[in-house]
Amino acid sequence: MTMRLHRGSCHCGAVRFEAEIDLAAGTIHCNCTLCTKQRNWVAIVPRATFRLVHGDTALSEYRCNTRTEQHFFCATCGVRPFGYGSSPRWGAYVAVSVACLDDVTAAELAAVPVRLLDGRNDTWADM
């Protein structure tokens, strides 16, 4: 896989987005309590490579812990397609839910590298 424009959405389609993602570069699965409960699996992309195509008014926002990351979910179907954050490692980023990508096959997802992130113990820098 290489960098390519992916399209994604929430379950009901009220929220739709596009993002330039190289899935071969790897994804993240975090074990913090929020990500664990949501079974969150994301690709981190620069904000400049992400575009919300439709649904800004359909989004609700949740902030936990430090209240710095914006976790968005569709107010209609409850699916969390992406979130915004900022970190020394990635700068301003978007965490795109890999499960919300509409144009990726199950076989492609099975080949995507996954890095485990120990958010439960706040060892973000040790990833």
C-alpha atoms as a PDB file:
ATOM      1  CA  MET A   1       0.000   0.000   0.000  1.00  0.00           C
ATOM      2  CA  THR A   2       1.053   3.579  -0.538  1.00  0.00           C
ATOM      3  CA  MET A   3      -0.296   7.032   0.159  1.00  0.00           C
ATOM      4  CA  ARG A   4      -3.779   7.249  -1.291  1.00  0.00           C
ATOM      5  CA  LEU A   5      -6.951   9.240  -0.900  1.00  0.00           C
ATOM      6  CA  HIS A   6      -9.402   7.266   1.221  1.00  0.00           C
ATOM      7  CA  ARG A   7     -13.055   8.027   1.771  1.00  0.00           C
ATOM      8  CA  GLY A   8     -14.911   7.193   4.935  1.00  0.00           C
ATOM      9  CA  SER A   9     -18.106   7.745   6.844  1.00  0.00           C
ATOM     10  CA  CYS A  10     -20.063   6.975   9.966  1.00  0.00           C
ATOM     11  CA  HIS A  11     -22.644   4.169   9.923  1.00  0.00           C
ATOM     12  CA  CYS A  12     -25.635   6.272   8.835  1.00  0.00           C
ATOM     13  CA  GLY A  13     -23.650   8.388   6.328  1.00  0.00           C
ATOM     14  CA  ALA A  14     -24.400  11.721   7.985  1.00  0.00           C
ATOM     15  CA  VAL A  15     -20.636  12.261   8.441  1.00  0.00           C
ATOM     16  CA  ARG A  16     -18.322  11.771   5.457  1.00  0.00           C
ATOM     17  CA  PHE A  17     -14.622  12.517   5.115  1.00  0.00           C
ATOM     18  CA  GLU A  18     -11.570  12.116   2.900  1.00  0.00           C
ATOM     19  CA  ALA A  19      -7.990  11.602   4.048  1.00  0.00           C
ATOM     20  CA  GLU A  20      -4.623  10.896   2.444  1.00  0.00           C
ATOM     21  CA  ILE A  21      -3.417   7.787   4.268  1.00  0.00           C
ATOM     22  CA  ASP A  22      -0.560   5.338   3.809  1.00  0.00           C
ATOM     23  CA  LEU A  23      -1.934   2.338   5.676  1.00  0.00           C
ATOM     24  CA  ALA A  24       1.351   0.471   5.140  1.00  0.00           C
ATOM     25  CA  ALA A  25       3.015   3.092   7.361  1.00  0.00           C
ATOM     26  CA  GLY A  26       1.061   1.624  10.263  1.00  0.00           C
ATOM     27  CA  THR A  27      -1.882   2.245  12.513  1.00  0.00           C
ATOM     28  CA  ILE A  28      -2.387   2.553  16.239  1.00  0.00           C
ATOM     29  CA  HIS A  29      -4.374   0.557  18.731  1.00  0.00           C
ATOM     30  CA  CYS A  30      -4.386   2.245  22.142  1.00  0.00           C
ATOM     31  CA  ASN A  31      -5.203   0.551  25.454  1.00  0.00           C
ATOM     32  CA  CYS A  32      -6.425   3.611  27.376  1.00  0.00           C
ATOM     33  CA  THR A  33      -9.870   3.141  28.882  1.00  0.00           C
ATOM     34  CA  LEU A  34     -11.635   5.218  26.202  1.00  0.00           C
ATOM     35  CA  CYS A  35      -9.971   3.501  23.241  1.00  0.00           C
ATOM     36  CA  THR A  36     -10.424   0.063  24.816  1.00  0.00           C
ATOM     37  CA  LYS A  37     -14.127   0.568  25.329  1.00  0.00           C
ATOM     38  CA  GLN A  38     -14.539   1.950  21.812  1.00  0.00           C
ATOM     39  CA  ARG A  39     -12.236  -0.712  20.299  1.00  0.00           C
ATOM     40  CA  ASN A  40     -10.477   2.218  18.671  1.00  0.00           C
ATOM     41  CA  TRP A  41      -8.077   1.494  15.782  1.00  0.00           C
ATOM     42  CA  VAL A  42      -6.738   4.592  14.013  1.00  0.00           C
ATOM     43  CA  ALA A  43      -4.416   5.903  11.363  1.00  0.00           C
ATOM     44  CA  ILE A  44      -2.712   9.148  12.351  1.00  0.00           C
ATOM     45  CA  VAL A  45      -2.631  11.718   9.533  1.00  0.00           C
ATOM     46  CA  PRO A  46      -1.632  15.399   9.395  1.00  0.00           C
ATOM     47  CA  ARG A  47      -4.637  17.716   9.561  1.00  0.00           C
ATOM     48  CA  ALA A  48      -3.688  19.132   6.161  1.00  0.00           C
ATOM     49  CA  THR A  49      -4.396  15.724   4.570  1.00  0.00           C
ATOM     50  CA  PHE A  50      -7.890  15.374   6.081  1.00  0.00           C
ATOM     51  CA  ARG A  51     -11.118  16.927   4.829  1.00  0.00           C
ATOM     52  CA  LEU A  52     -14.574  16.722   6.357  1.00  0.00           C
ATOM     53  CA  VAL A  53     -16.787  16.417   3.281  1.00  0.00           C
ATOM     54  CA  HIS A  54     -20.176  16.431   4.972  1.00  0.00           C
ATOM     55  CA  GLY A  55     -21.689  16.425   8.416  1.00  0.00           C
ATOM     56  CA  ASP A  56     -20.033  19.076  10.566  1.00  0.00           C
ATOM     57  CA  THR A  57     -23.441  19.803  12.146  1.00  0.00           C
ATOM     58  CA  ALA A  58     -24.061  16.053  12.718  1.00  0.00           C
ATOM     59  CA  LEU A  59     -20.977  15.737  14.944  1.00  0.00           C
ATOM     60  CA  SER A  60     -20.939  15.764  18.720  1.00  0.00           C
ATOM     61  CA  GLU A  61     -17.708  16.188  20.646  1.00  0.00           C
ATOM     62  CA  TYR A  62     -16.318  14.433  23.699  1.00  0.00           C
ATOM     63  CA  ARG A  63     -13.159  15.428  25.572  1.00  0.00           C
ATOM     64  CA  CYS A  64     -11.684  13.342  28.351  1.00  0.00           C
ATOM     65  CA  ASN A  65      -8.695  13.383  30.676  1.00  0.00           C
ATOM     66  CA  THR A  66      -6.584  16.408  29.639  1.00  0.00           C
ATOM     67  CA  ARG A  67      -9.434  17.783  27.476  1.00  0.00           C
ATOM     68  CA  THR A  68      -6.989  18.480  24.640  1.00  0.00           C
ATOM     69  CA  GLU A  69      -8.044  15.822  22.138  1.00  0.00           C
ATOM     70  CA  GLN A  70     -11.375  16.254  20.400  1.00  0.00           C
ATOM     71  CA  HIS A  71     -13.198  12.934  19.993  1.00  0.00           C
ATOM     72  CA  PHE A  72     -16.013  13.346  17.483  1.00  0.00           C
ATOM     73  CA  PHE A  73     -18.960  11.027  17.016  1.00  0.00           C
ATOM     74  CA  CYS A  74     -22.088  11.131  14.883  1.00  0.00           C
ATOM     75  CA  ALA A  75     -25.033  12.353  16.945  1.00  0.00           C
ATOM     76  CA  THR A  76     -27.367  10.133  14.893  1.00  0.00           C
ATOM     77  CA  CYS A  77     -25.674   6.708  14.813  1.00  0.00           C
ATOM     78  CA  GLY A  78     -23.038   7.146  17.544  1.00  0.00           C
ATOM     79  CA  VAL A  79     -20.045   6.054  15.437  1.00  0.00           C
ATOM     80  CA  ARG A  80     -16.719   7.815  16.054  1.00  0.00           C
ATOM     81  CA  PRO A  81     -15.129   8.349  12.613  1.00  0.00           C
ATOM     82  CA  PHE A  82     -12.204  10.592  13.652  1.00  0.00           C
ATOM     83  CA  GLY A  83     -10.738  12.869  16.284  1.00  0.00           C
ATOM     84  CA  TYR A  84      -8.393  15.860  16.388  1.00  0.00           C
ATOM     85  CA  GLY A  85      -5.299  16.156  18.502  1.00  0.00           C
ATOM     86  CA  SER A  86      -1.848  17.645  18.751  1.00  0.00           C
ATOM     87  CA  SER A  87       1.381  16.102  19.977  1.00  0.00           C
ATOM     88  CA  PRO A  88       5.134  16.749  19.838  1.00  0.00           C
ATOM     89  CA  ARG A  89       5.535  13.627  17.687  1.00  0.00           C
ATOM     90  CA  TRP A  90       2.800  14.259  15.107  1.00  0.00           C
ATOM     91  CA  GLY A  91       1.989  17.960  15.434  1.00  0.00           C
ATOM     92  CA  ALA A  92      -1.638  18.769  14.604  1.00  0.00           C
ATOM     93  CA  TYR A  93      -3.156  15.438  13.587  1.00  0.00           C
ATOM     94  CA  VAL A  94      -6.363  13.595  12.847  1.00  0.00           C
ATOM     95  CA  ALA A  95      -6.895  10.105  14.224  1.00  0.00           C
ATOM     96  CA  VAL A  96      -8.968   8.450  11.492  1.00  0.00           C
ATOM     97  CA  SER A  97     -10.916   5.354  12.488  1.00  0.00           C
ATOM     98  CA  VAL A  98      -9.710   2.611  10.155  1.00  0.00           C
ATOM     99  CA  ALA A  99     -13.055   0.828  10.568  1.00  0.00           C
ATOM    100  CA  CYS A 100     -14.807   3.863   9.037  1.00  0.00           C
ATOM    101  CA  LEU A 101     -12.866   3.720   5.759  1.00  0.00           C
ATOM    102  CA  ASP A 102     -15.384   2.794   3.066  1.00  0.00           C
ATOM    103  CA  ASP A 103     -12.897   1.883   0.347  1.00  0.00           C
ATOM    104  CA  VAL A 104     -10.642  -0.633   2.102  1.00  0.00           C
ATOM    105  CA  THR A 105     -11.239  -4.362   1.830  1.00  0.00           C
ATOM    106  CA  ALA A 106     -11.024  -6.821   4.719  1.00  0.00           C
ATOM    107  CA  ALA A 107      -7.922  -8.328   3.096  1.00  0.00           C
ATOM    108  CA  GLU A 108      -6.240  -4.903   2.946  1.00  0.00           C
ATOM    109  CA  LEU A 109      -7.051  -4.263   6.609  1.00  0.00           C
ATOM    110  CA  ALA A 110      -5.626  -7.646   7.596  1.00  0.00           C
ATOM    111  CA  ALA A 111      -2.282  -6.591   6.092  1.00  0.00           C
ATOM    112  CA  VAL A 112      -2.099  -3.232   7.883  1.00  0.00           C
ATOM    113  CA  PRO A 113       0.619  -2.996  10.567  1.00  0.00           C
ATOM    114  CA  VAL A 114      -0.670  -2.167  14.040  1.00  0.00           C
ATOM    115  CA  ARG A 115       1.418  -0.557  16.787  1.00  0.00           C
ATOM    116  CA  LEU A 116       0.186  -0.923  20.341  1.00  0.00           C
ATOM    117  CA  LEU A 117       0.109   2.301  22.313  1.00  0.00           C
ATOM    118  CA  ASP A 118       0.134   2.099  26.124  1.00  0.00           C
ATOM    119  CA  GLY A 119      -2.135   5.030  26.879  1.00  0.00           C
ATOM    120  CA  ARG A 120      -3.404   3.338  30.038  1.00  0.00           C
ATOM    121  CA  ASN A 121       0.008   3.955  31.646  1.00  0.00           C
ATOM    122  CA  ASP A 122       0.626   7.291  29.911  1.00  0.00           C
ATOM    123  CA  THR A 123       3.696   6.009  28.083  1.00  0.00           C
ATOM    124  CA  TRP A 124       2.838   7.825  24.872  1.00  0.00           C
ATOM    125  CA  ALA A 125       6.483   8.628  24.091  1.00  0.00           C
ATOM    126  CA  ASP A 126       7.562   4.971  24.353  1.00  0.00           C
ATOM    127  CA  MET A 127       5.606   3.885  21.304  1.00  0.00           C
END
